[in-house]
Amino acid sequence: KATSRPNIIVIFSDDHALQAISAYGSPYVKTPNIDRIGREGVVFT
């Protein structure tokens, strides 16, 4: 409430397939920390 400007962190990986993220239903691997971002925010499909 005291600040209108957030800090911003962009985590940008290289060649990360949607099929390798459990938030997208990956049958191969679990990615709980990446999933948390979407669970507590938004997932862009």
PDB file of all heavy atoms in Angstrom:
ATOM      1  N   LYS A   1       0.819  -1.207   0.000  1.00  0.00           N
ATOM      2  CA  LYS A   1       0.000   0.000   0.000  1.00  0.00           C
ATOM      3  C   LYS A   1       0.858   1.264   0.000  1.00  0.00           C
ATOM      4  O   LYS A   1       0.409   2.334  -0.390  1.00  0.00           O
ATOM      5  CB  LYS A   1      -0.916   0.002   1.228  1.00  0.00           C
ATOM      6  CG  LYS A   1      -1.942  -1.134   1.207  1.00  0.00           C
ATOM      7  CD  LYS A   1      -2.802  -1.102   2.449  1.00  0.00           C
ATOM      8  CE  LYS A   1      -3.813  -2.248   2.438  1.00  0.00           C
ATOM      9  NZ  LYS A   1      -4.651  -2.243   3.663  1.00  0.00           N
ATOM     10  N   ALA A   2       2.105   1.120   0.428  1.00  0.00           N
ATOM     11  CA  ALA A   2       2.978   2.282   0.512  1.00  0.00           C
ATOM     12  C   ALA A   2       3.809   2.475  -0.752  1.00  0.00           C
ATOM     13  O   ALA A   2       4.513   3.462  -0.883  1.00  0.00           O
ATOM     14  CB  ALA A   2       3.902   2.161   1.722  1.00  0.00           C
ATOM     15  N   THR A   3       3.741   1.550  -1.659  1.00  0.00           N
ATOM     16  CA  THR A   3       4.520   1.678  -2.893  1.00  0.00           C
ATOM     17  C   THR A   3       3.713   1.168  -4.063  1.00  0.00           C
ATOM     18  O   THR A   3       3.024   0.156  -3.962  1.00  0.00           O
ATOM     19  CB  THR A   3       5.850   0.909  -2.804  1.00  0.00           C
ATOM     20  OG1 THR A   3       6.522   1.029  -4.059  1.00  0.00           O
ATOM     21  CG2 THR A   3       5.635  -0.555  -2.477  1.00  0.00           C
ATOM     22  N   SER A   4       3.766   1.883  -5.178  1.00  0.00           N
ATOM     23  CA  SER A   4       3.003   1.472  -6.348  1.00  0.00           C
ATOM     24  C   SER A   4       3.881   0.817  -7.394  1.00  0.00           C
ATOM     25  O   SER A   4       3.386   0.397  -8.438  1.00  0.00           O
ATOM     26  CB  SER A   4       2.302   2.698  -6.961  1.00  0.00           C
ATOM     27  OG  SER A   4       3.265   3.676  -7.346  1.00  0.00           O
ATOM     28  N   ARG A   5       5.180   0.741  -7.132  1.00  0.00           N
ATOM     29  CA  ARG A   5       6.094   0.214  -8.138  1.00  0.00           C
ATOM     30  C   ARG A   5       6.794  -1.033  -7.614  1.00  0.00           C
ATOM     31  O   ARG A   5       7.617  -0.961  -6.702  1.00  0.00           O
ATOM     32  CB  ARG A   5       7.120   1.274  -8.533  1.00  0.00           C
ATOM     33  CG  ARG A   5       6.466   2.517  -9.108  1.00  0.00           C
ATOM     34  CD  ARG A   5       7.452   3.336  -9.910  1.00  0.00           C
ATOM     35  NE  ARG A   5       8.546   3.818  -9.087  1.00  0.00           N
ATOM     36  CZ  ARG A   5       9.625   4.411  -9.576  1.00  0.00           C
ATOM     37  NH1 ARG A   5       9.760   4.544 -10.885  1.00  0.00           N
ATOM     38  NH2 ARG A   5      10.575   4.839  -8.781  1.00  0.00           N
ATOM     39  N   PRO A   6       6.470  -2.169  -8.182  1.00  0.00           N
ATOM     40  CA  PRO A   6       7.080  -3.412  -7.708  1.00  0.00           C
ATOM     41  C   PRO A   6       8.477  -3.589  -8.261  1.00  0.00           C
ATOM     42  O   PRO A   6       8.854  -2.989  -9.271  1.00  0.00           O
ATOM     43  CB  PRO A   6       6.148  -4.478  -8.287  1.00  0.00           C
ATOM     44  CG  PRO A   6       5.696  -3.873  -9.578  1.00  0.00           C
ATOM     45  CD  PRO A   6       5.528  -2.402  -9.279  1.00  0.00           C
ATOM     46  N   ASN A   7       9.259  -4.400  -7.599  1.00  0.00           N
ATOM     47  CA  ASN A   7      10.467  -4.924  -8.221  1.00  0.00           C
ATOM     48  C   ASN A   7      10.031  -5.987  -9.230  1.00  0.00           C
ATOM     49  O   ASN A   7       8.941  -6.558  -9.135  1.00  0.00           O
ATOM     50  CB  ASN A   7      11.387  -5.544  -7.169  1.00  0.00           C
ATOM     51  CG  ASN A   7      11.835  -4.510  -6.154  1.00  0.00           C
ATOM     52  OD1 ASN A   7      12.273  -3.420  -6.493  1.00  0.00           O
ATOM     53  ND2 ASN A   7      11.689  -4.862  -4.890  1.00  0.00           N
ATOM     54  N   ILE A   8      10.889  -6.265 -10.191  1.00  0.00           N
ATOM     55  CA  ILE A   8      10.545  -7.210 -11.258  1.00  0.00           C
ATOM     56  C   ILE A   8      11.718  -8.147 -11.490  1.00  0.00           C
ATOM     57  O   ILE A   8      12.846  -7.677 -11.663  1.00  0.00           O
ATOM     58  CB  ILE A   8      10.196  -6.476 -12.568  1.00  0.00           C
ATOM     59  CG1 ILE A   8       9.009  -5.532 -12.361  1.00  0.00           C
ATOM     60  CG2 ILE A   8       9.896  -7.474 -13.686  1.00  0.00           C
ATOM     61  CD1 ILE A   8       8.801  -4.554 -13.501  1.00  0.00           C
ATOM     62  N   ILE A   9      11.457  -9.429 -11.461  1.00  0.00           N
ATOM     63  CA  ILE A   9      12.481 -10.420 -11.804  1.00  0.00           C
ATOM     64  C   ILE A   9      11.954 -11.265 -12.963  1.00  0.00           C
ATOM     65  O   ILE A   9      10.872 -11.828 -12.890  1.00  0.00           O
ATOM     66  CB  ILE A   9      12.839 -11.345 -10.633  1.00  0.00           C
ATOM     67  CG1 ILE A   9      13.418 -10.546  -9.471  1.00  0.00           C
ATOM     68  CG2 ILE A   9      13.860 -12.385 -11.095  1.00  0.00           C
ATOM     69  CD1 ILE A   9      13.695 -11.396  -8.260  1.00  0.00           C
ATOM     70  N   VAL A  10      12.714 -11.342 -14.016  1.00  0.00           N
ATOM     71  CA  VAL A  10      12.368 -12.171 -15.159  1.00  0.00           C
ATOM     72  C   VAL A  10      13.327 -13.356 -15.162  1.00  0.00           C
ATOM     73  O   VAL A  10      14.533 -13.182 -15.314  1.00  0.00           O
ATOM     74  CB  VAL A  10      12.503 -11.394 -16.482  1.00  0.00           C
ATOM     75  CG1 VAL A  10      12.128 -12.295 -17.660  1.00  0.00           C
ATOM     76  CG2 VAL A  10      11.648 -10.145 -16.462  1.00  0.00           C
ATOM     77  N   ILE A  11      12.797 -14.542 -14.989  1.00  0.00           N
ATOM     78  CA  ILE A  11      13.619 -15.758 -15.071  1.00  0.00           C
ATOM     79  C   ILE A  11      13.384 -16.351 -16.458  1.00  0.00           C
ATOM     80  O   ILE A  11      12.278 -16.766 -16.788  1.00  0.00           O
ATOM     81  CB  ILE A  11      13.248 -16.778 -13.980  1.00  0.00           C
ATOM     82  CG1 ILE A  11      13.245 -16.119 -12.603  1.00  0.00           C
ATOM     83  CG2 ILE A  11      14.235 -17.946 -14.013  1.00  0.00           C
ATOM     84  CD1 ILE A  11      12.779 -17.033 -11.493  1.00  0.00           C
ATOM     85  N   PHE A  12      14.440 -16.354 -17.256  1.00  0.00           N
ATOM     86  CA  PHE A  12      14.310 -16.686 -18.677  1.00  0.00           C
ATOM     87  C   PHE A  12      15.259 -17.820 -19.005  1.00  0.00           C
ATOM     88  O   PHE A  12      16.472 -17.642 -19.091  1.00  0.00           O
ATOM     89  CB  PHE A  12      14.657 -15.443 -19.494  1.00  0.00           C
ATOM     90  CG  PHE A  12      14.038 -15.397 -20.863  1.00  0.00           C
ATOM     91  CD1 PHE A  12      12.661 -15.315 -21.026  1.00  0.00           C
ATOM     92  CD2 PHE A  12      14.835 -15.401 -21.995  1.00  0.00           C
ATOM     93  CE1 PHE A  12      12.087 -15.241 -22.288  1.00  0.00           C
ATOM     94  CE2 PHE A  12      14.270 -15.324 -23.265  1.00  0.00           C
ATOM     95  CZ  PHE A  12      12.896 -15.240 -23.410  1.00  0.00           C
ATOM     96  N   SER A  13      14.720 -19.005 -19.203  1.00  0.00           N
ATOM     97  CA  SER A  13      15.546 -20.170 -19.501  1.00  0.00           C
ATOM     98  C   SER A  13      15.676 -20.350 -21.011  1.00  0.00           C
ATOM     99  O   SER A  13      15.178 -19.542 -21.798  1.00  0.00           O
ATOM    100  CB  SER A  13      14.949 -21.427 -18.860  1.00  0.00           C
ATOM    101  OG  SER A  13      13.652 -21.655 -19.371  1.00  0.00           O
ATOM    102  N   ASP A  14      16.324 -21.423 -21.423  1.00  0.00           N
ATOM    103  CA  ASP A  14      16.619 -21.623 -22.837  1.00  0.00           C
ATOM    104  C   ASP A  14      16.119 -22.988 -23.304  1.00  0.00           C
ATOM    105  O   ASP A  14      16.531 -24.017 -22.766  1.00  0.00           O
ATOM    106  CB  ASP A  14      18.140 -21.516 -23.069  1.00  0.00           C
ATOM    107  CG  ASP A  14      18.491 -21.286 -24.523  1.00  0.00           C
ATOM    108  OD1 ASP A  14      18.119 -22.126 -25.360  1.00  0.00           O
ATOM    109  OD2 ASP A  14      19.154 -20.277 -24.825  1.00  0.00           O
ATOM    110  N   ASP A  15      15.223 -22.984 -24.269  1.00  0.00           N
ATOM    111  CA  ASP A  15      14.713 -24.232 -24.869  1.00  0.00           C
ATOM    112  C   ASP A  15      13.896 -25.081 -23.897  1.00  0.00           C
ATOM    113  O   ASP A  15      13.916 -26.318 -23.977  1.00  0.00           O
ATOM    114  CB  ASP A  15      15.867 -25.084 -25.419  1.00  0.00           C
ATOM    115  CG  ASP A  15      16.533 -24.483 -26.639  1.00  0.00           C
ATOM    116  OD1 ASP A  15      15.947 -23.566 -27.238  1.00  0.00           O
ATOM    117  OD2 ASP A  15      17.641 -24.929 -26.995  1.00  0.00           O
ATOM    118  N   HIS A  16      13.165 -24.465 -23.004  1.00  0.00           N
ATOM    119  CA  HIS A  16      12.373 -25.236 -22.049  1.00  0.00           C
ATOM    120  C   HIS A  16      10.987 -25.520 -22.638  1.00  0.00           C
ATOM    121  O   HIS A  16      10.143 -24.636 -22.766  1.00  0.00           O
ATOM    122  CB  HIS A  16      12.242 -24.489 -20.725  1.00  0.00           C
ATOM    123  CG  HIS A  16      11.743 -25.350 -19.618  1.00  0.00           C
ATOM    124  ND1 HIS A  16      11.739 -24.953 -18.296  1.00  0.00           N
ATOM    125  CD2 HIS A  16      11.235 -26.619 -19.600  1.00  0.00           C
ATOM    126  CE1 HIS A  16      11.242 -25.923 -17.536  1.00  0.00           C
ATOM    127  NE2 HIS A  16      10.916 -26.934 -18.324  1.00  0.00           N
ATOM    128  N   ALA A  17      10.765 -26.762 -22.991  1.00  0.00           N
ATOM    129  CA  ALA A  17       9.508 -27.190 -23.600  1.00  0.00           C
ATOM    130  C   ALA A  17       8.374 -27.215 -22.588  1.00  0.00           C
ATOM    131  O   ALA A  17       8.576 -27.567 -21.420  1.00  0.00           O
ATOM    132  CB  ALA A  17       9.674 -28.582 -24.211  1.00  0.00           C
ATOM    133  N   LEU A  18       7.180 -26.861 -23.036  1.00  0.00           N
ATOM    134  CA  LEU A  18       6.008 -26.983 -22.178  1.00  0.00           C
ATOM    135  C   LEU A  18       5.817 -28.415 -21.706  1.00  0.00           C
ATOM    136  O   LEU A  18       5.355 -28.650 -20.582  1.00  0.00           O
ATOM    137  CB  LEU A  18       4.749 -26.528 -22.926  1.00  0.00           C
ATOM    138  CG  LEU A  18       4.375 -25.058 -22.816  1.00  0.00           C
ATOM    139  CD1 LEU A  18       5.378 -24.187 -23.564  1.00  0.00           C
ATOM    140  CD2 LEU A  18       2.969 -24.803 -23.366  1.00  0.00           C
ATOM    141  N   GLN A  19       6.198 -29.380 -22.563  1.00  0.00           N
ATOM    142  CA  GLN A  19       6.022 -30.793 -22.226  1.00  0.00           C
ATOM    143  C   GLN A  19       6.906 -31.201 -21.043  1.00  0.00           C
ATOM    144  O   GLN A  19       6.751 -32.300 -20.509  1.00  0.00           O
ATOM    145  CB  GLN A  19       6.373 -31.689 -23.409  1.00  0.00           C
ATOM    146  CG  GLN A  19       5.764 -31.288 -24.729  1.00  0.00           C
ATOM    147  CD  GLN A  19       6.695 -30.388 -25.526  1.00  0.00           C
ATOM    148  OE1 GLN A  19       6.846 -29.218 -25.205  1.00  0.00           O
ATOM    149  NE2 GLN A  19       7.345 -30.937 -26.538  1.00  0.00           N
ATOM    150  N   ALA A  20       7.844 -30.338 -20.654  1.00  0.00           N
ATOM    151  CA  ALA A  20       8.748 -30.634 -19.541  1.00  0.00           C
ATOM    152  C   ALA A  20       8.454 -29.738 -18.349  1.00  0.00           C
ATOM    153  O   ALA A  20       9.356 -29.390 -17.574  1.00  0.00           O
ATOM    154  CB  ALA A  20      10.204 -30.485 -19.982  1.00  0.00           C
ATOM    155  N   ILE A  21       7.198 -29.369 -18.187  1.00  0.00           N
ATOM    156  CA  ILE A  21       6.748 -28.585 -17.026  1.00  0.00           C
ATOM    157  C   ILE A  21       5.479 -29.250 -16.500  1.00  0.00           C
ATOM    158  O   ILE A  21       4.500 -29.405 -17.241  1.00  0.00           O
ATOM    159  CB  ILE A  21       6.475 -27.124 -17.406  1.00  0.00           C
ATOM    160  CG1 ILE A  21       7.748 -26.466 -17.963  1.00  0.00           C
ATOM    161  CG2 ILE A  21       5.937 -26.350 -16.220  1.00  0.00           C
ATOM    162  CD1 ILE A  21       7.513 -25.105 -18.563  1.00  0.00           C
ATOM    163  N   SER A  22       5.487 -29.617 -15.251  1.00  0.00           N
ATOM    164  CA  SER A  22       4.331 -30.363 -14.753  1.00  0.00           C
ATOM    165  C   SER A  22       3.081 -29.504 -14.677  1.00  0.00           C
ATOM    166  O   SER A  22       1.962 -30.023 -14.720  1.00  0.00           O
ATOM    167  CB  SER A  22       4.649 -30.991 -13.392  1.00  0.00           C
ATOM    168  OG  SER A  22       5.233 -30.081 -12.493  1.00  0.00           O
ATOM    169  N   ALA A  23       3.219 -28.186 -14.604  1.00  0.00           N
ATOM    170  CA  ALA A  23       2.050 -27.319 -14.650  1.00  0.00           C
ATOM    171  C   ALA A  23       1.309 -27.448 -15.969  1.00  0.00           C
ATOM    172  O   ALA A  23       0.121 -27.140 -16.059  1.00  0.00           O
ATOM    173  CB  ALA A  23       2.466 -25.861 -14.434  1.00  0.00           C
ATOM    174  N   TYR A  24       2.010 -27.902 -16.999  1.00  0.00           N
ATOM    175  CA  TYR A  24       1.384 -28.126 -18.302  1.00  0.00           C
ATOM    176  C   TYR A  24       1.071 -29.600 -18.520  1.00  0.00           C
ATOM    177  O   TYR A  24       0.814 -30.020 -19.643  1.00  0.00           O
ATOM    178  CB  TYR A  24       2.301 -27.625 -19.410  1.00  0.00           C
ATOM    179  CG  TYR A  24       2.373 -26.123 -19.504  1.00  0.00           C
ATOM    180  CD1 TYR A  24       3.424 -25.432 -18.922  1.00  0.00           C
ATOM    181  CD2 TYR A  24       1.378 -25.407 -20.135  1.00  0.00           C
ATOM    182  CE1 TYR A  24       3.489 -24.052 -18.988  1.00  0.00           C
ATOM    183  CE2 TYR A  24       1.432 -24.028 -20.212  1.00  0.00           C
ATOM    184  CZ  TYR A  24       2.492 -23.346 -19.641  1.00  0.00           C
ATOM    185  OH  TYR A  24       2.552 -21.982 -19.694  1.00  0.00           O
ATOM    186  N   GLY A  25       1.111 -30.374 -17.459  1.00  0.00           N
ATOM    187  CA  GLY A  25       0.736 -31.770 -17.576  1.00  0.00           C
ATOM    188  C   GLY A  25       1.824 -32.681 -18.080  1.00  0.00           C
ATOM    189  O   GLY A  25       1.545 -33.706 -18.694  1.00  0.00           O
ATOM    190  N   SER A  26       3.071 -32.331 -17.839  1.00  0.00           N
ATOM    191  CA  SER A  26       4.171 -33.158 -18.328  1.00  0.00           C
ATOM    192  C   SER A  26       4.070 -34.587 -17.820  1.00  0.00           C
ATOM    193  O   SER A  26       3.897 -34.824 -16.623  1.00  0.00           O
ATOM    194  CB  SER A  26       5.522 -32.579 -17.884  1.00  0.00           C
ATOM    195  OG  SER A  26       6.576 -33.464 -18.225  1.00  0.00           O
ATOM    196  N   PRO A  27       4.203 -35.566 -18.709  1.00  0.00           N
ATOM    197  CA  PRO A  27       4.247 -36.964 -18.275  1.00  0.00           C
ATOM    198  C   PRO A  27       5.650 -37.404 -17.871  1.00  0.00           C
ATOM    199  O   PRO A  27       5.847 -38.547 -17.492  1.00  0.00           O
ATOM    200  CB  PRO A  27       3.791 -37.724 -19.527  1.00  0.00           C
ATOM    201  CG  PRO A  27       4.321 -36.902 -20.654  1.00  0.00           C
ATOM    202  CD  PRO A  27       4.227 -35.460 -20.193  1.00  0.00           C
ATOM    203  N   TYR A  28       6.614 -36.483 -17.958  1.00  0.00           N
ATOM    204  CA  TYR A  28       8.017 -36.851 -17.793  1.00  0.00           C
ATOM    205  C   TYR A  28       8.640 -36.408 -16.480  1.00  0.00           C
ATOM    206  O   TYR A  28       9.512 -37.080 -15.932  1.00  0.00           O
ATOM    207  CB  TYR A  28       8.851 -36.231 -18.922  1.00  0.00           C
ATOM    208  CG  TYR A  28       8.358 -36.494 -20.306  1.00  0.00           C
ATOM    209  CD1 TYR A  28       8.005 -35.444 -21.155  1.00  0.00           C
ATOM    210  CD2 TYR A  28       8.231 -37.794 -20.797  1.00  0.00           C
ATOM    211  CE1 TYR A  28       7.567 -35.672 -22.449  1.00  0.00           C
ATOM    212  CE2 TYR A  28       7.785 -38.038 -22.092  1.00  0.00           C
ATOM    213  CZ  TYR A  28       7.451 -36.967 -22.901  1.00  0.00           C
ATOM    214  OH  TYR A  28       7.019 -37.194 -24.181  1.00  0.00           O
ATOM    215  N   VAL A  29       8.243 -35.219 -15.963  1.00  0.00           N
ATOM    216  CA  VAL A  29       9.006 -34.604 -14.886  1.00  0.00           C
ATOM    217  C   VAL A  29       8.091 -33.738 -14.030  1.00  0.00           C
ATOM    218  O   VAL A  29       7.067 -33.236 -14.502  1.00  0.00           O
ATOM    219  CB  VAL A  29      10.152 -33.737 -15.489  1.00  0.00           C
ATOM    220  CG1 VAL A  29       9.595 -32.536 -16.237  1.00  0.00           C
ATOM    221  CG2 VAL A  29      11.163 -33.314 -14.427  1.00  0.00           C
ATOM    222  N   LYS A  30       8.471 -33.572 -12.776  1.00  0.00           N
ATOM    223  CA  LYS A  30       7.773 -32.677 -11.853  1.00  0.00           C
ATOM    224  C   LYS A  30       8.603 -31.404 -11.688  1.00  0.00           C
ATOM    225  O   LYS A  30       9.819 -31.469 -11.467  1.00  0.00           O
ATOM    226  CB  LYS A  30       7.555 -33.338 -10.495  1.00  0.00           C
ATOM    227  CG  LYS A  30       6.698 -34.600 -10.542  1.00  0.00           C
ATOM    228  CD  LYS A  30       5.263 -34.293 -10.958  1.00  0.00           C
ATOM    229  CE  LYS A  30       4.392 -35.540 -10.919  1.00  0.00           C
ATOM    230  NZ  LYS A  30       3.010 -35.257 -11.402  1.00  0.00           N
ATOM    231  N   THR A  31       7.933 -30.258 -11.785  1.00  0.00           N
ATOM    232  CA  THR A  31       8.602 -28.965 -11.604  1.00  0.00           C
ATOM    233  C   THR A  31       7.827 -28.140 -10.580  1.00  0.00           C
ATOM    234  O   THR A  31       7.153 -27.163 -10.918  1.00  0.00           O
ATOM    235  CB  THR A  31       8.680 -28.218 -12.941  1.00  0.00           C
ATOM    236  OG1 THR A  31       7.360 -28.184 -13.531  1.00  0.00           O
ATOM    237  CG2 THR A  31       9.633 -28.915 -13.910  1.00  0.00           C
ATOM    238  N   PRO A  32       7.905 -28.500  -9.308  1.00  0.00           N
ATOM    239  CA  PRO A  32       7.038 -27.878  -8.301  1.00  0.00           C
ATOM    240  C   PRO A  32       7.264 -26.383  -8.107  1.00  0.00           C
ATOM    241  O   PRO A  32       6.322 -25.656  -7.776  1.00  0.00           O
ATOM    242  CB  PRO A  32       7.370 -28.666  -7.027  1.00  0.00           C
ATOM    243  CG  PRO A  32       8.741 -29.236  -7.273  1.00  0.00           C
ATOM    244  CD  PRO A  32       8.783 -29.539  -8.734  1.00  0.00           C
ATOM    245  N   ASN A  33       8.485 -25.925  -8.285  1.00  0.00           N
ATOM    246  CA  ASN A  33       8.751 -24.507  -8.041  1.00  0.00           C
ATOM    247  C   ASN A  33       8.242 -23.624  -9.169  1.00  0.00           C
ATOM    248  O   ASN A  33       7.674 -22.549  -8.925  1.00  0.00           O
ATOM    249  CB  ASN A  33      10.254 -24.308  -7.821  1.00  0.00           C
ATOM    250  CG  ASN A  33      10.747 -25.054  -6.598  1.00  0.00           C
ATOM    251  OD1 ASN A  33      10.352 -24.765  -5.485  1.00  0.00           O
ATOM    252  ND2 ASN A  33      11.594 -26.050  -6.814  1.00  0.00           N
ATOM    253  N   ILE A  34       8.446 -24.064 -10.396  1.00  0.00           N
ATOM    254  CA  ILE A  34       7.854 -23.342 -11.527  1.00  0.00           C
ATOM    255  C   ILE A  34       6.332 -23.390 -11.428  1.00  0.00           C
ATOM    256  O   ILE A  34       5.644 -22.378 -11.637  1.00  0.00           O
ATOM    257  CB  ILE A  34       8.349 -23.933 -12.858  1.00  0.00           C
ATOM    258  CG1 ILE A  34       9.861 -23.707 -13.002  1.00  0.00           C
ATOM    259  CG2 ILE A  34       7.604 -23.316 -14.038  1.00  0.00           C
ATOM    260  CD1 ILE A  34      10.492 -24.434 -14.174  1.00  0.00           C
ATOM    261  N   ASP A  35       5.802 -24.556 -11.085  1.00  0.00           N
ATOM    262  CA  ASP A  35       4.353 -24.701 -10.931  1.00  0.00           C
ATOM    263  C   ASP A  35       3.797 -23.710  -9.905  1.00  0.00           C
ATOM    264  O   ASP A  35       2.696 -23.178 -10.069  1.00  0.00           O
ATOM    265  CB  ASP A  35       4.004 -26.115 -10.465  1.00  0.00           C
ATOM    266  CG  ASP A  35       4.326 -27.181 -11.493  1.00  0.00           C
ATOM    267  OD1 ASP A  35       4.757 -26.840 -12.613  1.00  0.00           O
ATOM    268  OD2 ASP A  35       4.166 -28.375 -11.161  1.00  0.00           O
ATOM    269  N   ARG A  36       4.560 -23.478  -8.848  1.00  0.00           N
ATOM    270  CA  ARG A  36       4.090 -22.585  -7.788  1.00  0.00           C
ATOM    271  C   ARG A  36       3.799 -21.188  -8.326  1.00  0.00           C
ATOM    272  O   ARG A  36       2.825 -20.540  -7.899  1.00  0.00           O
ATOM    273  CB  ARG A  36       5.136 -22.508  -6.667  1.00  0.00           C
ATOM    274  CG  ARG A  36       4.743 -21.552  -5.550  1.00  0.00           C
ATOM    275  CD  ARG A  36       5.847 -21.352  -4.533  1.00  0.00           C
ATOM    276  NE  ARG A  36       5.501 -20.285  -3.610  1.00  0.00           N
ATOM    277  CZ  ARG A  36       6.330 -19.771  -2.698  1.00  0.00           C
ATOM    278  NH1 ARG A  36       7.558 -20.250  -2.588  1.00  0.00           N
ATOM    279  NH2 ARG A  36       5.929 -18.780  -1.929  1.00  0.00           N
ATOM    280  N   ILE A  37       4.626 -20.707  -9.244  1.00  0.00           N
ATOM    281  CA  ILE A  37       4.410 -19.373  -9.812  1.00  0.00           C
ATOM    282  C   ILE A  37       3.033 -19.301 -10.449  1.00  0.00           C
ATOM    283  O   ILE A  37       2.271 -18.352 -10.242  1.00  0.00           O
ATOM    284  CB  ILE A  37       5.517 -19.038 -10.831  1.00  0.00           C
ATOM    285  CG1 ILE A  37       6.882 -18.995 -10.147  1.00  0.00           C
ATOM    286  CG2 ILE A  37       5.225 -17.698 -11.507  1.00  0.00           C
ATOM    287  CD1 ILE A  37       8.042 -18.833 -11.113  1.00  0.00           C
ATOM    288  N   GLY A  38       2.693 -20.315 -11.241  1.00  0.00           N
ATOM    289  CA  GLY A  38       1.390 -20.331 -11.876  1.00  0.00           C
ATOM    290  C   GLY A  38       0.258 -20.558 -10.911  1.00  0.00           C
ATOM    291  O   GLY A  38      -0.817 -19.968 -11.041  1.00  0.00           O
ATOM    292  N   ARG A  39       0.486 -21.425  -9.930  1.00  0.00           N
ATOM    293  CA  ARG A  39      -0.565 -21.715  -8.949  1.00  0.00           C
ATOM    294  C   ARG A  39      -0.920 -20.471  -8.136  1.00  0.00           C
ATOM    295  O   ARG A  39      -2.087 -20.251  -7.771  1.00  0.00           O
ATOM    296  CB  ARG A  39      -0.103 -22.837  -8.025  1.00  0.00           C
ATOM    297  CG  ARG A  39      -1.182 -23.322  -7.057  1.00  0.00           C
ATOM    298  CD  ARG A  39      -0.712 -24.527  -6.264  1.00  0.00           C
ATOM    299  NE  ARG A  39       0.429 -24.219  -5.399  1.00  0.00           N
ATOM    300  CZ  ARG A  39       1.665 -24.643  -5.600  1.00  0.00           C
ATOM    301  NH1 ARG A  39       1.940 -25.389  -6.659  1.00  0.00           N
ATOM    302  NH2 ARG A  39       2.637 -24.320  -4.760  1.00  0.00           N
ATOM    303  N   GLU A  40       0.077 -19.641  -7.852  1.00  0.00           N
ATOM    304  CA  GLU A  40      -0.147 -18.426  -7.073  1.00  0.00           C
ATOM    305  C   GLU A  40      -0.321 -17.201  -7.968  1.00  0.00           C
ATOM    306  O   GLU A  40      -0.370 -16.071  -7.482  1.00  0.00           O
ATOM    307  CB  GLU A  40       1.022 -18.220  -6.106  1.00  0.00           C
ATOM    308  CG  GLU A  40       1.150 -19.359  -5.093  1.00  0.00           C
ATOM    309  CD  GLU A  40       2.345 -19.208  -4.155  1.00  0.00           C
ATOM    310  OE1 GLU A  40       3.097 -18.216  -4.294  1.00  0.00           O
ATOM    311  OE2 GLU A  40       2.519 -20.072  -3.270  1.00  0.00           O
ATOM    312  N   GLY A  41      -0.407 -17.440  -9.275  1.00  0.00           N
ATOM    313  CA  GLY A  41      -0.566 -16.344 -10.220  1.00  0.00           C
ATOM    314  C   GLY A  41      -1.366 -16.791 -11.420  1.00  0.00           C
ATOM    315  O   GLY A  41      -2.495 -17.251 -11.291  1.00  0.00           O
ATOM    316  N   VAL A  42      -0.748 -16.677 -12.609  1.00  0.00           N
ATOM    317  CA  VAL A  42      -1.459 -16.992 -13.841  1.00  0.00           C
ATOM    318  C   VAL A  42      -0.609 -17.898 -14.719  1.00  0.00           C
ATOM    319  O   VAL A  42       0.608 -17.768 -14.785  1.00  0.00           O
ATOM    320  CB  VAL A  42      -1.828 -15.705 -14.619  1.00  0.00           C
ATOM    321  CG1 VAL A  42      -0.601 -14.871 -14.944  1.00  0.00           C
ATOM    322  CG2 VAL A  42      -2.589 -16.032 -15.911  1.00  0.00           C
ATOM    323  N   VAL A  43      -1.275 -18.811 -15.399  1.00  0.00           N
ATOM    324  CA  VAL A  43      -0.666 -19.665 -16.403  1.00  0.00           C
ATOM    325  C   VAL A  43      -1.175 -19.222 -17.774  1.00  0.00           C
ATOM    326  O   VAL A  43      -2.382 -19.131 -17.997  1.00  0.00           O
ATOM    327  CB  VAL A  43      -1.033 -21.148 -16.178  1.00  0.00           C
ATOM    328  CG1 VAL A  43      -0.469 -22.006 -17.308  1.00  0.00           C
ATOM    329  CG2 VAL A  43      -0.530 -21.627 -14.844  1.00  0.00           C
ATOM    330  N   PHE A  44      -0.247 -18.955 -18.672  1.00  0.00           N
ATOM    331  CA  PHE A  44      -0.590 -18.602 -20.047  1.00  0.00           C
ATOM    332  C   PHE A  44      -0.522 -19.867 -20.899  1.00  0.00           C
ATOM    333  O   PHE A  44       0.543 -20.469 -21.039  1.00  0.00           O
ATOM    334  CB  PHE A  44       0.384 -17.563 -20.592  1.00  0.00           C
ATOM    335  CG  PHE A  44       0.255 -16.207 -19.961  1.00  0.00           C
ATOM    336  CD1 PHE A  44       0.728 -15.974 -18.675  1.00  0.00           C
ATOM    337  CD2 PHE A  44      -0.331 -15.162 -20.650  1.00  0.00           C
ATOM    338  CE1 PHE A  44       0.622 -14.720 -18.083  1.00  0.00           C
ATOM    339  CE2 PHE A  44      -0.457 -13.906 -20.069  1.00  0.00           C
ATOM    340  CZ  PHE A  44       0.020 -13.686 -18.781  1.00  0.00           C
ATOM    341  N   THR A  45      -1.634 -20.245 -21.459  1.00  0.00           N
ATOM    342  CA  THR A  45      -1.663 -21.478 -22.241  1.00  0.00           C
ATOM    343  C   THR A  45      -1.435 -21.238 -23.726  1.00  0.00           C
ATOM    344  O   THR A  45      -1.250 -22.194 -24.485  1.00  0.00           O
ATOM    345  CB  THR A  45      -3.006 -22.203 -22.061  1.00  0.00           C
ATOM    346  OG1 THR A  45      -4.049 -21.392 -22.619  1.00  0.00           O
ATOM    347  CG2 THR A  45      -3.284 -22.468 -20.594  1.00  0.00           C
TER     348      THR A  45
END
